[in-house]
Each structure stands twice: as C-alpha cells, then as structure tokens.
C-alpha cells in the first residue's frame, strides 16, 4: 500500500451537517461530548461578515445552557475573532495557524475537557478537520456558509474536492 488511503482517512470528517445550527446537541451528548471547538469564517459567520449566521447565536446559547463548554478558534485576526466571541459570550483563540495543533491545544485548556470528549466543528478539511485529527479529536464538517472566500481558501477547496472527493 502506498499510504495514500491513510492520508485521505486522516482528513475524513466523523460527521457532516449543512450548518452549525443543524448539529444535534442531543447527538453530541449521546456520544459523551462536553467541549466544542468551533470555527469562525464560513461556519459561525459568512466570510467577511461581522454577525453570526442565522440560528448560530441561538445554537451557541442552547449549547451553553446544556452545559457544553465552547471556544471559537480561527485563523483570522484577533480583533475580528474577539468581537464575534464577545457577541456570542464565548472565549476565543485567534491567529490559530490551523491545522497546526497549538491553537487546538490552547482551546482544550480553555474548555477544560479531555480530547475524547471534545469535537471540532468547521467547514474546511485541511484546517479544521485535519487539525482536529492530528490531536485525535472528533469532527463535524459543515458546508461553507457562502461561496465567496479568501483566495487561499479557494485553493484548499479545490484540493478538498480533488483529494477527498468532497463536492
């Protein structure tokens, strides 16, 4: 075997949802999840939009009311990430350099949850899912909220479709 299949498996999400509000909190509870790491751009907010997408604030509030610990992790700049985190009432890790593990490790410390009880929810295979998988975290891959994205992200989307067969 050439190892290619192993590489593709490493970036395959555990679960899929169209949007963050469609991720079932009951399902997360059922598998023992208590900590949630969520991506910002095209998961919580549309690209270059300051406000959370419809249903996101209610989903975050509902998750917190049910006892989930949540942290926002983003490759975006501190000011943008901090503003959204403050609006949602959750801690943040900005300038994350995903898929490198450092921001995910910092998020785990903020959450206070073990790896096996933590899920990463995001819209990109090569940042959110791969970064989570490096640390053995569970993943939910969402569809991007909008098609317009940062130029590098467009390249990564092409690679997602090519390598992992994601449409």
N, C-alpha and C. Protein backbone atom coordinates (compact mmCIF):
# COMPACT_ATOMS: atom_id res chain seq x y z
N UNK A 1 0.85 -1.19 0.00
CA UNK A 1 0.00 0.00 0.00
C UNK A 1 0.88 1.24 0.00
N UNK A 2 0.48 2.26 -0.73
CA UNK A 2 1.30 3.45 -0.87
C UNK A 2 1.07 4.49 0.21
N UNK A 3 0.12 4.27 1.10
CA UNK A 3 -0.13 5.20 2.19
C UNK A 3 -1.14 6.29 1.83
N UNK A 4 -1.53 6.40 0.56
CA UNK A 4 -2.46 7.44 0.15
C UNK A 4 -3.80 7.30 0.85
N UNK A 5 -4.29 6.09 0.97
CA UNK A 5 -5.57 5.86 1.65
C UNK A 5 -5.53 6.31 3.09
N UNK A 6 -4.40 6.07 3.76
CA UNK A 6 -4.26 6.52 5.14
C UNK A 6 -4.35 8.03 5.23
N UNK A 7 -3.75 8.73 4.28
CA UNK A 7 -3.77 10.19 4.28
C UNK A 7 -5.19 10.71 4.10
N UNK A 8 -5.94 10.10 3.20
CA UNK A 8 -7.32 10.52 2.97
C UNK A 8 -8.15 10.24 4.21
N UNK A 9 -7.96 9.09 4.86
CA UNK A 9 -8.70 8.78 6.08
C UNK A 9 -8.43 9.80 7.17
N UNK A 10 -7.21 10.29 7.24
CA UNK A 10 -6.84 11.27 8.27
C UNK A 10 -7.66 12.54 8.14
N UNK A 11 -8.08 12.87 6.94
CA UNK A 11 -8.84 14.11 6.77
C UNK A 11 -10.32 13.88 6.51
N UNK A 12 -10.80 12.70 6.76
CA UNK A 12 -12.23 12.42 6.62
C UNK A 12 -12.94 12.81 7.92
N UNK A 13 -13.98 13.61 7.80
CA UNK A 13 -14.74 14.04 8.97
C UNK A 13 -15.52 12.87 9.56
N UNK A 14 -15.75 12.91 10.86
CA UNK A 14 -16.54 11.88 11.53
C UNK A 14 -18.03 12.02 11.20
N UNK A 15 -18.48 13.26 11.09
CA UNK A 15 -19.89 13.54 10.81
C UNK A 15 -19.99 14.77 9.92
N UNK A 16 -21.15 14.95 9.32
CA UNK A 16 -21.40 16.09 8.45
C UNK A 16 -22.71 16.76 8.84
N UNK A 17 -22.78 18.08 8.63
CA UNK A 17 -24.01 18.85 8.81
C UNK A 17 -23.98 20.00 7.81
N UNK A 18 -25.13 20.42 7.38
CA UNK A 18 -25.15 21.54 6.44
C UNK A 18 -24.66 22.83 7.10
N UNK A 19 -25.14 23.10 8.32
CA UNK A 19 -24.76 24.32 9.03
C UNK A 19 -24.55 23.99 10.51
N UNK A 20 -23.93 24.89 11.22
CA UNK A 20 -23.71 24.70 12.66
C UNK A 20 -25.02 24.48 13.41
N UNK A 21 -26.07 25.28 13.17
CA UNK A 21 -27.31 25.03 13.92
C UNK A 21 -27.95 23.68 13.65
N UNK A 22 -27.52 22.99 12.60
CA UNK A 22 -28.06 21.66 12.32
C UNK A 22 -27.31 20.54 13.03
N UNK A 23 -26.23 20.89 13.73
CA UNK A 23 -25.51 19.90 14.53
C UNK A 23 -26.36 19.61 15.77
N UNK A 24 -26.70 18.36 15.96
CA UNK A 24 -27.59 17.97 17.05
C UNK A 24 -26.86 17.94 18.39
N UNK A 25 -27.31 18.77 19.31
CA UNK A 25 -26.74 18.76 20.65
C UNK A 25 -27.06 17.44 21.36
N UNK A 26 -28.23 16.87 21.06
CA UNK A 26 -28.58 15.56 21.63
C UNK A 26 -27.58 14.50 21.18
N UNK A 27 -27.22 14.52 19.89
CA UNK A 27 -26.26 13.54 19.38
C UNK A 27 -24.89 13.73 20.02
N UNK A 28 -24.47 14.99 20.20
CA UNK A 28 -23.18 15.23 20.85
C UNK A 28 -23.19 14.71 22.29
N UNK A 29 -24.27 14.98 23.00
CA UNK A 29 -24.40 14.48 24.37
C UNK A 29 -24.36 12.96 24.40
N UNK A 30 -25.04 12.34 23.46
CA UNK A 30 -25.14 10.88 23.43
C UNK A 30 -23.80 10.19 23.27
N UNK A 31 -22.84 10.85 22.61
CA UNK A 31 -21.51 10.25 22.44
C UNK A 31 -20.50 10.79 23.43
N UNK A 32 -20.97 11.52 24.44
CA UNK A 32 -20.09 11.95 25.52
C UNK A 32 -19.33 13.23 25.28
N UNK A 33 -19.76 14.03 24.32
CA UNK A 33 -19.10 15.31 24.05
C UNK A 33 -19.51 16.33 25.10
N UNK A 34 -18.52 17.03 25.66
CA UNK A 34 -18.80 18.11 26.60
C UNK A 34 -18.11 19.42 26.18
N UNK A 35 -17.18 19.32 25.25
CA UNK A 35 -16.46 20.50 24.77
C UNK A 35 -16.58 20.65 23.27
N UNK A 36 -16.78 21.89 22.83
CA UNK A 36 -16.96 22.16 21.40
C UNK A 36 -15.98 23.25 20.99
N UNK A 37 -15.17 22.94 19.98
CA UNK A 37 -14.31 23.94 19.34
C UNK A 37 -14.97 24.25 18.01
N UNK A 38 -15.28 25.52 17.79
CA UNK A 38 -15.99 25.90 16.58
C UNK A 38 -15.17 26.91 15.78
N UNK A 39 -15.20 26.75 14.46
CA UNK A 39 -14.51 27.64 13.53
C UNK A 39 -15.34 28.90 13.32
N UNK A 40 -14.69 29.98 12.89
CA UNK A 40 -15.38 31.25 12.67
C UNK A 40 -15.88 31.41 11.23
N UNK A 41 -14.95 31.64 10.31
CA UNK A 41 -15.33 32.01 8.95
C UNK A 41 -15.98 30.87 8.19
N UNK A 42 -17.17 31.16 7.71
CA UNK A 42 -17.98 30.24 6.92
C UNK A 42 -18.54 29.07 7.73
N UNK A 43 -18.40 29.16 9.07
CA UNK A 43 -19.06 28.21 9.97
C UNK A 43 -19.98 28.98 10.91
N UNK A 44 -19.43 29.95 11.62
CA UNK A 44 -20.21 30.81 12.52
C UNK A 44 -20.70 32.05 11.77
N UNK A 45 -19.82 32.69 11.03
CA UNK A 45 -20.13 33.89 10.25
C UNK A 45 -19.78 33.65 8.79
N UNK A 46 -20.55 34.25 7.90
CA UNK A 46 -20.17 34.22 6.49
C UNK A 46 -18.87 35.00 6.32
N UNK A 47 -18.11 34.63 5.31
CA UNK A 47 -16.83 35.29 5.03
C UNK A 47 -17.02 36.80 4.97
N UNK A 48 -16.18 37.50 5.75
CA UNK A 48 -16.15 38.97 5.84
C UNK A 48 -17.41 39.60 6.42
N UNK A 49 -18.25 38.82 7.05
CA UNK A 49 -19.44 39.35 7.70
C UNK A 49 -19.18 39.38 9.21
N UNK A 50 -19.60 40.45 9.88
CA UNK A 50 -19.32 40.56 11.32
C UNK A 50 -20.33 39.83 12.20
N UNK A 51 -21.51 39.53 11.66
CA UNK A 51 -22.55 38.95 12.51
C UNK A 51 -22.64 37.44 12.30
N UNK A 52 -22.99 36.72 13.35
CA UNK A 52 -23.21 35.28 13.21
C UNK A 52 -24.34 34.99 12.22
N UNK A 53 -24.23 33.88 11.53
CA UNK A 53 -25.25 33.45 10.58
C UNK A 53 -26.55 33.16 11.33
N UNK A 54 -27.67 33.14 10.61
CA UNK A 54 -28.96 32.84 11.25
C UNK A 54 -28.92 31.53 12.04
N UNK A 55 -29.42 31.59 13.25
CA UNK A 55 -29.52 30.41 14.10
C UNK A 55 -28.28 30.10 14.93
N UNK A 56 -27.14 30.71 14.59
CA UNK A 56 -25.89 30.37 15.28
C UNK A 56 -25.91 30.84 16.74
N UNK A 57 -26.30 32.08 16.98
CA UNK A 57 -26.30 32.60 18.36
C UNK A 57 -27.24 31.77 19.24
N UNK A 58 -28.40 31.40 18.71
CA UNK A 58 -29.33 30.57 19.48
C UNK A 58 -28.75 29.19 19.75
N UNK A 59 -28.05 28.61 18.75
CA UNK A 59 -27.43 27.29 18.93
C UNK A 59 -26.35 27.36 20.01
N UNK A 60 -25.51 28.40 19.96
CA UNK A 60 -24.45 28.57 20.97
C UNK A 60 -25.08 28.73 22.35
N UNK A 61 -26.08 29.58 22.45
CA UNK A 61 -26.76 29.81 23.73
C UNK A 61 -27.36 28.50 24.26
N UNK A 62 -28.01 27.75 23.38
CA UNK A 62 -28.60 26.47 23.78
C UNK A 62 -27.55 25.47 24.23
N UNK A 63 -26.43 25.45 23.54
CA UNK A 63 -25.34 24.54 23.92
C UNK A 63 -24.79 24.91 25.29
N UNK A 64 -24.59 26.19 25.52
CA UNK A 64 -24.06 26.64 26.82
C UNK A 64 -25.05 26.34 27.94
N UNK A 65 -26.34 26.54 27.68
CA UNK A 65 -27.36 26.25 28.68
C UNK A 65 -27.39 24.76 29.04
N UNK A 66 -27.03 23.92 28.09
CA UNK A 66 -27.00 22.48 28.33
C UNK A 66 -25.69 22.02 28.96
N UNK A 67 -24.77 22.96 29.21
CA UNK A 67 -23.54 22.63 29.90
C UNK A 67 -22.33 22.38 29.03
N UNK A 68 -22.45 22.57 27.73
CA UNK A 68 -21.29 22.43 26.86
C UNK A 68 -20.34 23.61 27.06
N UNK A 69 -19.05 23.32 27.07
CA UNK A 69 -18.04 24.37 27.03
C UNK A 69 -17.72 24.61 25.56
N UNK A 70 -17.64 25.88 25.16
CA UNK A 70 -17.43 26.21 23.75
C UNK A 70 -16.33 27.25 23.63
N UNK A 71 -15.47 27.07 22.61
CA UNK A 71 -14.45 28.07 22.30
C UNK A 71 -14.40 28.24 20.79
N UNK A 72 -14.20 29.47 20.36
CA UNK A 72 -14.10 29.83 18.95
C UNK A 72 -12.62 29.86 18.57
N UNK A 73 -12.23 29.07 17.56
CA UNK A 73 -10.84 29.01 17.11
C UNK A 73 -10.80 29.40 15.65
N UNK A 74 -9.95 30.39 15.33
CA UNK A 74 -9.93 30.91 13.96
C UNK A 74 -8.52 31.30 13.54
N UNK A 75 -8.26 31.12 12.26
CA UNK A 75 -7.02 31.62 11.68
C UNK A 75 -7.09 33.13 11.44
N UNK A 76 -8.24 33.72 11.65
CA UNK A 76 -8.43 35.14 11.40
C UNK A 76 -7.76 35.98 12.48
N UNK A 77 -7.74 37.29 12.25
CA UNK A 77 -7.06 38.23 13.13
C UNK A 77 -7.80 38.41 14.46
N UNK A 78 -7.05 38.78 15.48
CA UNK A 78 -7.55 38.87 16.84
C UNK A 78 -8.78 39.75 16.96
N UNK A 79 -8.79 40.94 16.37
CA UNK A 79 -9.90 41.86 16.54
C UNK A 79 -11.22 41.26 16.05
N UNK A 80 -11.21 40.69 14.86
CA UNK A 80 -12.44 40.09 14.31
C UNK A 80 -12.92 38.93 15.17
N UNK A 81 -12.02 38.06 15.55
CA UNK A 81 -12.38 36.88 16.34
C UNK A 81 -12.90 37.30 17.71
N UNK A 82 -12.23 38.26 18.34
CA UNK A 82 -12.63 38.73 19.67
C UNK A 82 -14.01 39.36 19.65
N UNK A 83 -14.34 40.12 18.60
CA UNK A 83 -15.65 40.76 18.51
C UNK A 83 -16.77 39.72 18.42
N UNK A 84 -16.57 38.71 17.59
CA UNK A 84 -17.59 37.67 17.45
C UNK A 84 -17.70 36.86 18.73
N UNK A 85 -16.55 36.51 19.32
CA UNK A 85 -16.57 35.77 20.58
C UNK A 85 -17.29 36.52 21.68
N UNK A 86 -17.05 37.84 21.75
CA UNK A 86 -17.73 38.65 22.76
C UNK A 86 -19.24 38.69 22.52
N UNK A 87 -19.63 38.80 21.25
CA UNK A 87 -21.05 38.82 20.93
C UNK A 87 -21.73 37.51 21.33
N UNK A 88 -21.01 36.40 21.16
CA UNK A 88 -21.58 35.08 21.48
C UNK A 88 -21.34 34.68 22.93
N UNK A 89 -20.48 35.42 23.64
CA UNK A 89 -20.19 35.12 25.03
C UNK A 89 -19.32 33.90 25.23
N UNK A 90 -18.39 33.66 24.28
CA UNK A 90 -17.50 32.50 24.38
C UNK A 90 -16.05 32.94 24.21
N UNK A 91 -15.12 32.20 24.82
CA UNK A 91 -13.70 32.52 24.66
C UNK A 91 -13.23 32.22 23.24
N UNK A 92 -12.10 32.82 22.88
CA UNK A 92 -11.58 32.68 21.52
C UNK A 92 -10.09 32.39 21.52
N UNK A 93 -9.67 31.78 20.42
CA UNK A 93 -8.25 31.62 20.09
C UNK A 93 -8.13 32.12 18.66
N UNK A 94 -7.43 33.24 18.48
CA UNK A 94 -7.27 33.85 17.16
C UNK A 94 -5.88 33.53 16.61
N UNK A 95 -5.67 33.89 15.35
CA UNK A 95 -4.38 33.65 14.68
C UNK A 95 -3.92 32.21 14.90
N UNK A 96 -4.84 31.28 14.71
CA UNK A 96 -4.64 29.89 15.13
C UNK A 96 -3.61 29.10 14.33
N UNK A 97 -3.39 29.47 13.09
CA UNK A 97 -2.48 28.72 12.21
C UNK A 97 -2.91 27.26 12.05
N UNK A 98 -4.24 27.06 11.99
CA UNK A 98 -4.74 25.71 11.75
C UNK A 98 -4.24 25.24 10.39
N UNK A 99 -3.84 24.02 10.25
CA UNK A 99 -4.12 22.85 11.07
C UNK A 99 -3.06 22.54 12.14
N UNK A 100 -2.10 23.43 12.35
CA UNK A 100 -1.11 23.15 13.40
C UNK A 100 -1.84 22.95 14.73
N UNK A 101 -1.31 22.13 15.61
CA UNK A 101 -2.05 21.74 16.82
C UNK A 101 -2.06 22.76 17.95
N UNK A 102 -1.24 23.79 17.89
CA UNK A 102 -1.08 24.68 19.05
C UNK A 102 -2.37 25.36 19.50
N UNK A 103 -3.13 25.88 18.57
CA UNK A 103 -4.39 26.56 18.93
C UNK A 103 -5.42 25.56 19.45
N UNK A 104 -5.44 24.36 18.90
CA UNK A 104 -6.36 23.34 19.39
C UNK A 104 -5.99 22.96 20.83
N UNK A 105 -4.71 22.87 21.13
CA UNK A 105 -4.27 22.57 22.49
C UNK A 105 -4.66 23.70 23.45
N UNK A 106 -4.49 24.93 22.99
CA UNK A 106 -4.90 26.07 23.82
C UNK A 106 -6.41 26.04 24.05
N UNK A 107 -7.17 25.71 23.00
CA UNK A 107 -8.62 25.62 23.13
C UNK A 107 -9.02 24.53 24.14
N UNK A 108 -8.33 23.40 24.10
CA UNK A 108 -8.61 22.33 25.07
C UNK A 108 -8.39 22.81 26.50
N UNK A 109 -7.34 23.59 26.72
CA UNK A 109 -7.09 24.14 28.06
C UNK A 109 -8.22 25.09 28.46
N UNK A 110 -8.67 25.93 27.53
CA UNK A 110 -9.77 26.85 27.83
C UNK A 110 -11.07 26.09 28.13
N UNK A 111 -11.32 25.03 27.38
CA UNK A 111 -12.52 24.23 27.59
C UNK A 111 -12.48 23.44 28.88
N UNK A 112 -11.29 22.94 29.21
CA UNK A 112 -11.17 22.05 30.37
C UNK A 112 -11.75 20.68 30.11
N UNK A 113 -11.81 20.27 28.85
CA UNK A 113 -12.36 18.96 28.50
C UNK A 113 -11.27 18.07 27.92
N UNK A 114 -11.37 16.77 28.14
CA UNK A 114 -10.40 15.85 27.55
C UNK A 114 -10.64 15.71 26.05
N UNK A 115 -9.63 15.27 25.35
CA UNK A 115 -9.72 15.12 23.89
C UNK A 115 -10.90 14.24 23.47
N UNK A 116 -11.10 13.12 24.18
CA UNK A 116 -12.15 12.19 23.77
C UNK A 116 -13.55 12.76 23.98
N UNK A 117 -13.67 13.86 24.73
CA UNK A 117 -14.98 14.48 24.97
C UNK A 117 -15.12 15.82 24.24
N UNK A 118 -14.28 16.03 23.23
CA UNK A 118 -14.26 17.31 22.52
C UNK A 118 -14.44 17.10 21.03
N UNK A 119 -15.23 17.96 20.42
CA UNK A 119 -15.46 17.92 18.98
C UNK A 119 -15.05 19.26 18.36
N UNK A 120 -14.56 19.19 17.13
CA UNK A 120 -14.25 20.38 16.35
C UNK A 120 -15.28 20.46 15.23
N UNK A 121 -15.93 21.62 15.12
CA UNK A 121 -16.93 21.84 14.07
C UNK A 121 -16.42 22.96 13.17
N UNK A 122 -16.27 22.65 11.89
CA UNK A 122 -15.80 23.65 10.95
C UNK A 122 -16.11 23.26 9.53
N UNK A 123 -15.77 24.15 8.60
CA UNK A 123 -16.15 23.95 7.20
C UNK A 123 -15.01 23.55 6.29
N UNK A 124 -13.79 23.36 6.81
CA UNK A 124 -12.67 23.03 5.94
C UNK A 124 -11.96 21.76 6.37
N UNK A 125 -11.72 20.90 5.41
CA UNK A 125 -10.98 19.66 5.67
C UNK A 125 -9.54 19.92 6.07
N UNK A 126 -8.86 20.81 5.35
CA UNK A 126 -7.42 20.97 5.53
C UNK A 126 -7.03 21.90 6.67
N UNK A 127 -7.99 22.50 7.34
CA UNK A 127 -7.68 23.30 8.53
C UNK A 127 -8.38 22.71 9.75
N UNK A 128 -9.70 22.70 9.72
CA UNK A 128 -10.48 22.26 10.88
C UNK A 128 -10.38 20.76 11.14
N UNK A 129 -10.69 19.96 10.13
CA UNK A 129 -10.71 18.51 10.31
C UNK A 129 -9.30 17.96 10.49
N UNK A 130 -8.38 18.34 9.63
CA UNK A 130 -7.02 17.83 9.75
C UNK A 130 -6.40 18.23 11.09
N UNK A 131 -6.56 19.49 11.48
CA UNK A 131 -6.02 19.93 12.77
C UNK A 131 -6.59 19.15 13.94
N UNK A 132 -7.89 18.88 13.88
CA UNK A 132 -8.53 18.10 14.94
C UNK A 132 -8.01 16.67 14.95
N UNK A 133 -7.92 16.08 13.79
CA UNK A 133 -7.49 14.68 13.68
C UNK A 133 -6.05 14.48 14.16
N UNK A 134 -5.20 15.47 13.96
CA UNK A 134 -3.81 15.39 14.44
C UNK A 134 -3.79 15.11 15.94
N UNK A 135 -4.77 15.69 16.67
CA UNK A 135 -4.84 15.52 18.12
C UNK A 135 -5.84 14.45 18.56
N UNK A 136 -6.45 13.76 17.62
CA UNK A 136 -7.39 12.71 17.98
C UNK A 136 -8.75 13.22 18.41
N UNK A 137 -9.13 14.42 17.95
CA UNK A 137 -10.42 14.99 18.29
C UNK A 137 -11.48 14.56 17.28
N UNK A 138 -12.71 14.48 17.71
CA UNK A 138 -13.81 14.17 16.81
C UNK A 138 -14.13 15.41 15.97
N UNK A 139 -14.79 15.18 14.84
CA UNK A 139 -15.04 16.30 13.92
C UNK A 139 -16.45 16.25 13.32
N UNK A 140 -16.95 17.45 13.05
CA UNK A 140 -18.17 17.63 12.25
C UNK A 140 -17.81 18.64 11.18
N UNK A 141 -17.98 18.25 9.94
CA UNK A 141 -17.70 19.12 8.81
C UNK A 141 -19.01 19.72 8.32
N UNK A 142 -19.06 21.06 8.28
CA UNK A 142 -20.23 21.74 7.76
C UNK A 142 -19.96 22.22 6.34
N UNK A 143 -21.01 22.59 5.65
CA UNK A 143 -20.84 23.23 4.35
C UNK A 143 -20.49 24.69 4.60
N UNK A 144 -19.68 25.30 3.72
CA UNK A 144 -19.40 26.73 3.90
C UNK A 144 -20.68 27.55 3.75
N UNK A 145 -20.79 28.60 4.55
CA UNK A 145 -21.99 29.44 4.52
C UNK A 145 -22.16 30.17 3.20
N UNK A 146 -21.06 30.63 2.61
CA UNK A 146 -21.11 31.34 1.33
C UNK A 146 -19.98 30.85 0.44
N UNK A 147 -20.14 31.06 -0.86
CA UNK A 147 -19.13 30.61 -1.81
C UNK A 147 -17.93 31.55 -1.87
N UNK A 148 -18.15 32.84 -1.60
CA UNK A 148 -17.04 33.81 -1.66
C UNK A 148 -16.12 33.60 -0.46
N UNK A 149 -14.80 33.44 -0.74
CA UNK A 149 -13.87 33.15 0.34
C UNK A 149 -12.52 33.79 0.08
N UNK A 150 -11.68 33.74 1.08
CA UNK A 150 -10.30 34.17 0.99
C UNK A 150 -9.63 33.36 -0.13
N UNK A 151 -8.75 33.98 -0.94
CA UNK A 151 -8.16 33.26 -2.08
C UNK A 151 -7.48 31.94 -1.73
N UNK A 152 -6.73 31.88 -0.64
CA UNK A 152 -6.08 30.62 -0.26
C UNK A 152 -7.12 29.55 0.05
N UNK A 153 -8.23 29.96 0.64
CA UNK A 153 -9.29 29.01 0.96
C UNK A 153 -9.86 28.40 -0.32
N UNK A 154 -9.96 29.19 -1.37
CA UNK A 154 -10.46 28.66 -2.65
C UNK A 154 -9.53 27.56 -3.17
N UNK A 155 -8.22 27.74 -2.98
CA UNK A 155 -7.26 26.71 -3.39
C UNK A 155 -7.48 25.45 -2.55
N UNK A 156 -7.66 25.63 -1.26
CA UNK A 156 -7.89 24.48 -0.38
C UNK A 156 -9.20 23.77 -0.72
N UNK A 157 -10.21 24.51 -1.10
CA UNK A 157 -11.48 23.88 -1.51
C UNK A 157 -11.26 23.00 -2.74
N UNK A 158 -10.47 23.48 -3.69
CA UNK A 158 -10.15 22.68 -4.87
C UNK A 158 -9.47 21.39 -4.45
N UNK A 159 -8.50 21.49 -3.53
CA UNK A 159 -7.80 20.30 -3.05
C UNK A 159 -8.75 19.36 -2.32
N UNK A 160 -9.68 19.91 -1.54
CA UNK A 160 -10.68 19.08 -0.86
C UNK A 160 -11.43 18.23 -1.88
N UNK A 161 -11.91 18.88 -2.94
CA UNK A 161 -12.67 18.15 -3.95
C UNK A 161 -11.80 17.12 -4.66
N UNK A 162 -10.55 17.46 -4.91
CA UNK A 162 -9.65 16.59 -5.66
C UNK A 162 -9.19 15.39 -4.83
N UNK A 163 -8.71 15.66 -3.63
CA UNK A 163 -8.12 14.62 -2.79
C UNK A 163 -9.17 13.79 -2.06
N UNK A 164 -10.14 14.44 -1.49
CA UNK A 164 -11.08 13.73 -0.63
C UNK A 164 -12.42 13.47 -1.30
N UNK A 165 -12.59 13.94 -2.52
CA UNK A 165 -13.84 13.68 -3.21
C UNK A 165 -15.02 14.43 -2.64
N UNK A 166 -14.75 15.55 -1.97
CA UNK A 166 -15.85 16.34 -1.39
C UNK A 166 -16.44 17.21 -2.49
N UNK A 167 -17.77 17.23 -2.57
CA UNK A 167 -18.41 18.06 -3.59
C UNK A 167 -18.84 19.39 -3.00
